[in-house]
Protein backbone atom coordinates (compact mmCIF):
# COMPACT_ATOMS: atom_id res chain seq x y z
CA MET A 1 -1.78 0.47 40.90
CA GLN A 2 -5.12 1.75 42.23
CA LYS A 3 -8.32 0.01 43.34
CA THR A 4 -11.27 0.89 41.13
CA GLN A 5 -14.18 -1.04 42.66
CA GLN A 6 -14.91 -3.77 45.17
CA LEU A 7 -15.92 -6.92 43.32
CA TYR A 8 -16.52 -9.32 46.19
CA GLU A 9 -16.52 -9.63 49.96
CA GLY A 10 -16.34 -13.06 51.51
CA LYS A 11 -15.91 -14.39 55.01
CA ALA A 12 -12.16 -13.70 55.12
CA LYS A 13 -11.28 -11.42 52.20
CA LYS A 14 -12.32 -8.58 49.95
CA VAL A 15 -11.42 -8.51 46.24
CA TYR A 16 -11.00 -5.31 44.25
CA ALA A 17 -10.61 -4.54 40.56
CA THR A 18 -7.70 -2.26 39.68
CA ASP A 19 -6.69 0.16 36.97
CA GLU A 20 -4.24 -2.48 35.71
CA ALA A 21 -5.64 -5.00 33.23
CA GLY A 22 -5.82 -8.57 34.51
CA VAL A 23 -4.86 -7.64 38.08
CA TYR A 24 -6.97 -7.74 41.23
CA ILE A 25 -6.14 -6.77 44.81
CA VAL A 26 -7.03 -9.13 47.64
CA SER A 27 -7.46 -7.62 51.10
CA TYR A 28 -7.44 -9.97 54.10
CA LYS A 29 -9.79 -9.43 57.06
CA ASP A 30 -9.58 -10.32 60.76
CA ASP A 31 -13.15 -11.68 60.68
CA ALA A 32 -13.43 -15.36 61.52
CA THR A 33 -16.28 -17.73 60.74
CA ALA A 34 -16.94 -21.43 61.17
CA PHE A 35 -19.65 -23.97 60.38
CA ASN A 36 -20.70 -22.18 57.17
CA GLY A 37 -20.95 -18.83 58.93
CA LEU A 38 -22.99 -19.99 61.92
CA LYS A 39 -20.15 -19.06 64.28
CA LYS A 40 -18.60 -15.62 63.90
CA GLY A 41 -15.83 -13.74 65.63
CA THR A 42 -12.55 -11.92 65.20
CA ILE A 43 -8.98 -13.20 65.38
CA GLU A 44 -6.55 -10.37 66.04
CA HIS A 45 -3.94 -9.91 63.27
CA LYS A 46 -5.41 -12.87 61.33
CA GLY A 47 -5.61 -10.89 58.10
CA SER A 48 -1.98 -9.87 58.07
CA ILE A 49 -0.77 -13.32 59.15
CA ASN A 50 -2.83 -15.16 56.51
CA ASN A 51 -1.69 -12.73 53.82
CA ARG A 52 1.98 -13.26 54.61
CA VAL A 53 1.74 -17.02 55.14
CA SER A 54 -0.24 -17.55 51.95
CA ASN A 55 2.12 -15.39 49.87
CA HIS A 56 5.14 -17.21 51.29
CA LEU A 57 3.70 -20.62 50.43
CA MET A 58 2.44 -19.51 47.00
CA GLN A 59 5.94 -18.33 46.10
CA LEU A 60 7.39 -21.61 47.33
CA LEU A 61 4.97 -23.51 45.09
CA GLU A 62 5.75 -21.29 42.09
CA LYS A 63 9.41 -22.26 42.43
CA GLU A 64 8.35 -25.91 42.36
CA GLY A 65 6.36 -25.54 39.13
CA ILE A 66 2.84 -24.85 40.45
CA PRO A 67 1.32 -21.80 38.72
CA THR A 68 -0.47 -19.47 41.16
CA HIS A 69 -2.35 -16.18 41.14
CA PHE A 70 0.30 -14.43 43.28
CA LEU A 71 1.89 -11.31 41.79
CA LYS A 72 3.10 -9.00 44.55
CA GLU A 73 2.60 -8.38 48.26
CA LEU A 74 1.48 -4.77 48.56
CA SER A 75 1.19 -4.44 52.35
CA ASP A 76 0.76 -6.60 55.41
CA ARG A 77 -2.91 -7.17 54.42
CA GLU A 78 -3.08 -6.65 50.66
CA THR A 79 -1.72 -8.58 47.69
CA ALA A 80 -1.89 -8.11 43.93
CA VAL A 81 -3.07 -11.27 42.18
CA ARG A 82 -3.88 -12.43 38.66
CA LYS A 83 -7.50 -12.09 37.63
CA VAL A 84 -9.13 -15.52 37.35
CA ARG A 85 -12.53 -17.11 36.92
CA ILE A 86 -12.79 -19.30 40.00
CA ILE A 87 -13.81 -22.90 39.37
CA PRO A 88 -16.73 -23.46 41.78
CA LEU A 89 -15.04 -26.36 43.56
CA GLU A 90 -13.15 -26.67 46.81
CA VAL A 91 -10.51 -29.39 46.71
CA ILE A 92 -9.95 -30.95 50.13
CA VAL A 93 -6.64 -32.79 50.46
CA ARG A 94 -6.54 -35.16 53.44
CA ASN A 95 -3.58 -37.03 54.93
CA ILE A 96 -4.85 -37.68 58.45
CA ALA A 97 -8.44 -38.19 59.61
CA ALA A 98 -9.79 -35.04 61.23
CA GLY A 99 -12.88 -32.87 61.28
CA SER A 100 -15.79 -33.90 59.08
CA LEU A 101 -13.96 -36.88 57.54
CA ALA A 102 -13.39 -38.45 60.95
CA THR A 103 -17.05 -37.89 61.83
CA ARG A 104 -18.46 -39.19 58.53
CA LEU A 105 -16.35 -42.34 58.42
CA GLY A 106 -16.26 -43.12 62.13
CA LEU A 107 -12.49 -42.72 62.37
CA GLU A 108 -10.61 -41.59 65.43
CA GLU A 109 -9.20 -38.12 64.82
CA GLY A 110 -5.48 -38.44 64.15
CA THR A 111 -5.74 -41.73 62.24
CA LYS A 112 -3.15 -41.78 59.47
CA LEU A 113 -4.84 -42.50 56.15
CA ARG A 114 -3.37 -45.27 53.99
CA CYS A 115 -3.22 -42.87 51.06
CA THR A 116 -3.94 -39.20 50.45
CA VAL A 117 -7.64 -38.56 49.89
CA LEU A 118 -9.02 -35.89 47.54
CA GLU A 119 -12.55 -34.64 48.13
CA PHE A 120 -14.50 -32.07 46.14
CA CYS A 121 -17.10 -29.66 47.46
CA TYR A 122 -19.47 -27.58 45.33
CA LYS A 123 -18.92 -23.91 46.26
CA ARG A 124 -22.48 -22.96 47.20
CA ASP A 125 -22.87 -21.27 50.58
CA ASP A 126 -26.65 -21.58 50.36
CA LEU A 127 -26.29 -25.37 50.11
CA GLY A 128 -23.53 -25.69 52.71
CA ASP A 129 -20.82 -26.50 50.12
CA PRO A 130 -21.94 -30.12 49.59
CA LEU A 131 -19.58 -32.96 48.74
CA VAL A 132 -19.62 -33.91 45.06
CA ASN A 133 -17.80 -36.52 42.98
CA GLU A 134 -16.47 -36.55 39.41
CA TYR A 135 -19.89 -37.52 38.03
CA HIS A 136 -21.64 -34.61 39.78
CA ILE A 137 -18.95 -32.24 38.54
CA LYS A 138 -19.42 -33.40 34.96
CA ALA A 139 -23.23 -33.42 35.17
CA LEU A 140 -23.34 -29.89 36.57
CA GLY A 141 -20.66 -28.58 34.22
CA LEU A 142 -18.53 -27.30 37.11
CA ALA A 143 -15.24 -28.17 35.40
CA LEU A 144 -14.07 -29.77 32.19
CA ASP A 145 -12.58 -33.27 32.39
CA GLU A 146 -9.10 -31.96 31.60
CA GLU A 147 -9.45 -29.18 34.20
CA LEU A 148 -10.46 -31.68 36.87
CA ALA A 149 -7.54 -33.95 35.98
CA GLN A 150 -5.10 -31.01 36.07
CA LEU A 151 -6.29 -29.56 39.36
CA SER A 152 -6.25 -33.03 40.95
CA ALA A 153 -2.66 -33.56 39.80
CA TYR A 154 -1.68 -30.11 41.07
CA SER A 155 -3.37 -30.79 44.43
CA LEU A 156 -1.41 -33.99 44.99
CA LYS A 157 1.85 -32.29 43.99
CA ILE A 158 1.11 -29.36 46.31
CA ASN A 159 0.51 -31.84 49.12
CA ASP A 160 3.92 -33.44 48.52
CA ILE A 161 5.72 -30.09 48.37
CA LEU A 162 4.07 -28.50 51.39
CA GLY A 163 3.99 -31.68 53.47
CA SER A 164 7.76 -32.09 53.20
CA TYR A 165 8.50 -28.39 53.70
CA LEU A 166 6.29 -28.05 56.77
CA ARG A 167 7.46 -31.28 58.37
CA ASP A 168 10.98 -29.86 58.43
CA LEU A 169 9.54 -26.95 60.44
CA GLY A 170 7.82 -29.24 62.94
CA ILE A 171 4.35 -28.88 61.39
CA GLU A 172 2.21 -31.81 60.23
CA LEU A 173 -0.03 -31.00 57.25
CA VAL A 174 -3.18 -32.85 58.31
CA ASP A 175 -5.53 -31.59 55.60
CA PHE A 176 -6.17 -28.43 53.60
CA LYS A 177 -8.49 -26.72 51.12
CA LEU A 178 -7.51 -25.46 47.68
CA GLU A 179 -9.27 -23.44 45.04
CA PHE A 180 -8.29 -22.99 41.40
CA GLY A 181 -9.16 -20.50 38.70
CA ILE A 182 -8.84 -19.95 34.96
CA THR A 183 -6.99 -16.88 33.65
CA ASP A 184 -8.18 -14.81 30.70
CA GLU A 185 -5.65 -16.77 28.65
CA GLY A 186 -7.30 -20.06 29.63
CA LYS A 187 -4.59 -21.25 32.02
CA LEU A 188 -5.56 -23.15 35.17
CA ILE A 189 -3.75 -21.80 38.26
CA LEU A 190 -3.91 -22.04 42.04
CA ALA A 191 -5.93 -19.21 43.61
CA ASP A 192 -7.49 -18.21 46.96
CA GLU A 193 -5.13 -18.75 49.94
CA ILE A 194 -3.10 -21.30 51.89
CA SER A 195 -3.13 -20.37 55.57
CA PRO A 196 -4.14 -21.47 59.08
CA ASP A 197 -7.70 -20.62 57.96
CA THR A 198 -7.67 -23.21 55.16
CA CYS A 199 -5.27 -25.85 56.52
CA ARG A 200 -5.05 -28.07 59.57
CA PHE A 201 -1.57 -27.64 61.00
CA TRP A 202 -0.53 -29.80 63.97
CA ASP A 203 2.75 -29.65 65.84
CA THR A 204 4.61 -32.84 64.87
CA LYS A 205 5.76 -33.57 68.44
CA THR A 206 2.87 -32.48 70.64
CA GLY A 207 -0.08 -32.63 68.23
CA LYS A 208 -1.04 -29.09 69.25
CA LYS A 209 -3.43 -27.51 66.76
CA LEU A 210 -2.00 -24.43 65.04
CA ASP A 211 -5.00 -23.48 62.91
CA LYS A 212 -8.64 -22.33 62.87
CA ASP A 213 -9.77 -25.42 64.79
CA ARG A 214 -8.73 -23.48 67.89
CA PHE A 215 -11.48 -20.98 67.00
CA ARG A 216 -14.02 -23.61 65.84
CA ARG A 217 -13.65 -25.66 69.02
CA ASP A 218 -13.10 -22.85 71.54
CA LEU A 219 -9.63 -24.15 72.42
CA GLY A 220 -8.21 -20.72 73.20
CA SER A 221 -4.83 -19.21 72.23
CA VAL A 222 -6.07 -18.72 68.66
CA GLU A 223 -3.96 -15.65 67.90
CA GLU A 224 -0.89 -17.29 69.39
CA ALA A 225 -1.33 -20.36 67.17
CA TYR A 226 -1.56 -18.26 63.99
CA GLN A 227 1.48 -16.27 65.09
CA GLU A 228 3.38 -19.50 65.74
CA VAL A 229 2.81 -20.64 62.16
CA LEU A 230 4.07 -17.29 60.83
CA PHE A 231 7.14 -17.50 63.05
CA ARG A 232 8.03 -21.04 62.00
CA LEU A 233 7.66 -20.22 58.32
CA MET A 234 9.19 -16.78 58.18
CA GLY A 235 10.76 -15.97 61.56
CA ILE A 236 8.33 -13.08 62.10
CA ASN A 237 6.99 -12.42 65.60
């Protein structure tokens, strides 16, 4: 399999077309951004850690009946994935009040929510990825009703699967972001990544943050936190 052209470069990844039909290659970067790109930096080894963590969790979800874009890990930074048309929505799954939710609703960070909350953001960097609801999504034609119902059901199931799995490893799944895409065959599947970049991971005993909040909030030990997640999941130092 060979790369043929770069299709996209985002804050954390590059995406390439390949000489194999229906297959892309995702390459993970060490670049780090926060606050819609206002804060920029580098987290050493972030690309390789996020690639491995995401692939590990994607394969776990596949075994539990969640279809994903994962095909094959090619190297420590690159993965072959199914070609999809990304639905322009970010699905935020929240179990504990943190970050923007805590600020918006006046909740103390760490407050356990009475039920899991799903939020949707319109993927538009120029608008700051604004929050939208089901009516906005329908009015803007961002997703069909059946697609929205399916990705919502998948998101809640993913939360159950990962929440239980991570808790056994001493990690609390506070909240996380998901993205979905449609294959050429019209199938809705999980895409993008699941990593310390896109999830809030807290140590279940100490509450220590093991995710990108350490970069956002200048807490230090960012690389060590990412490495800790990789070690707990896969035993890799």
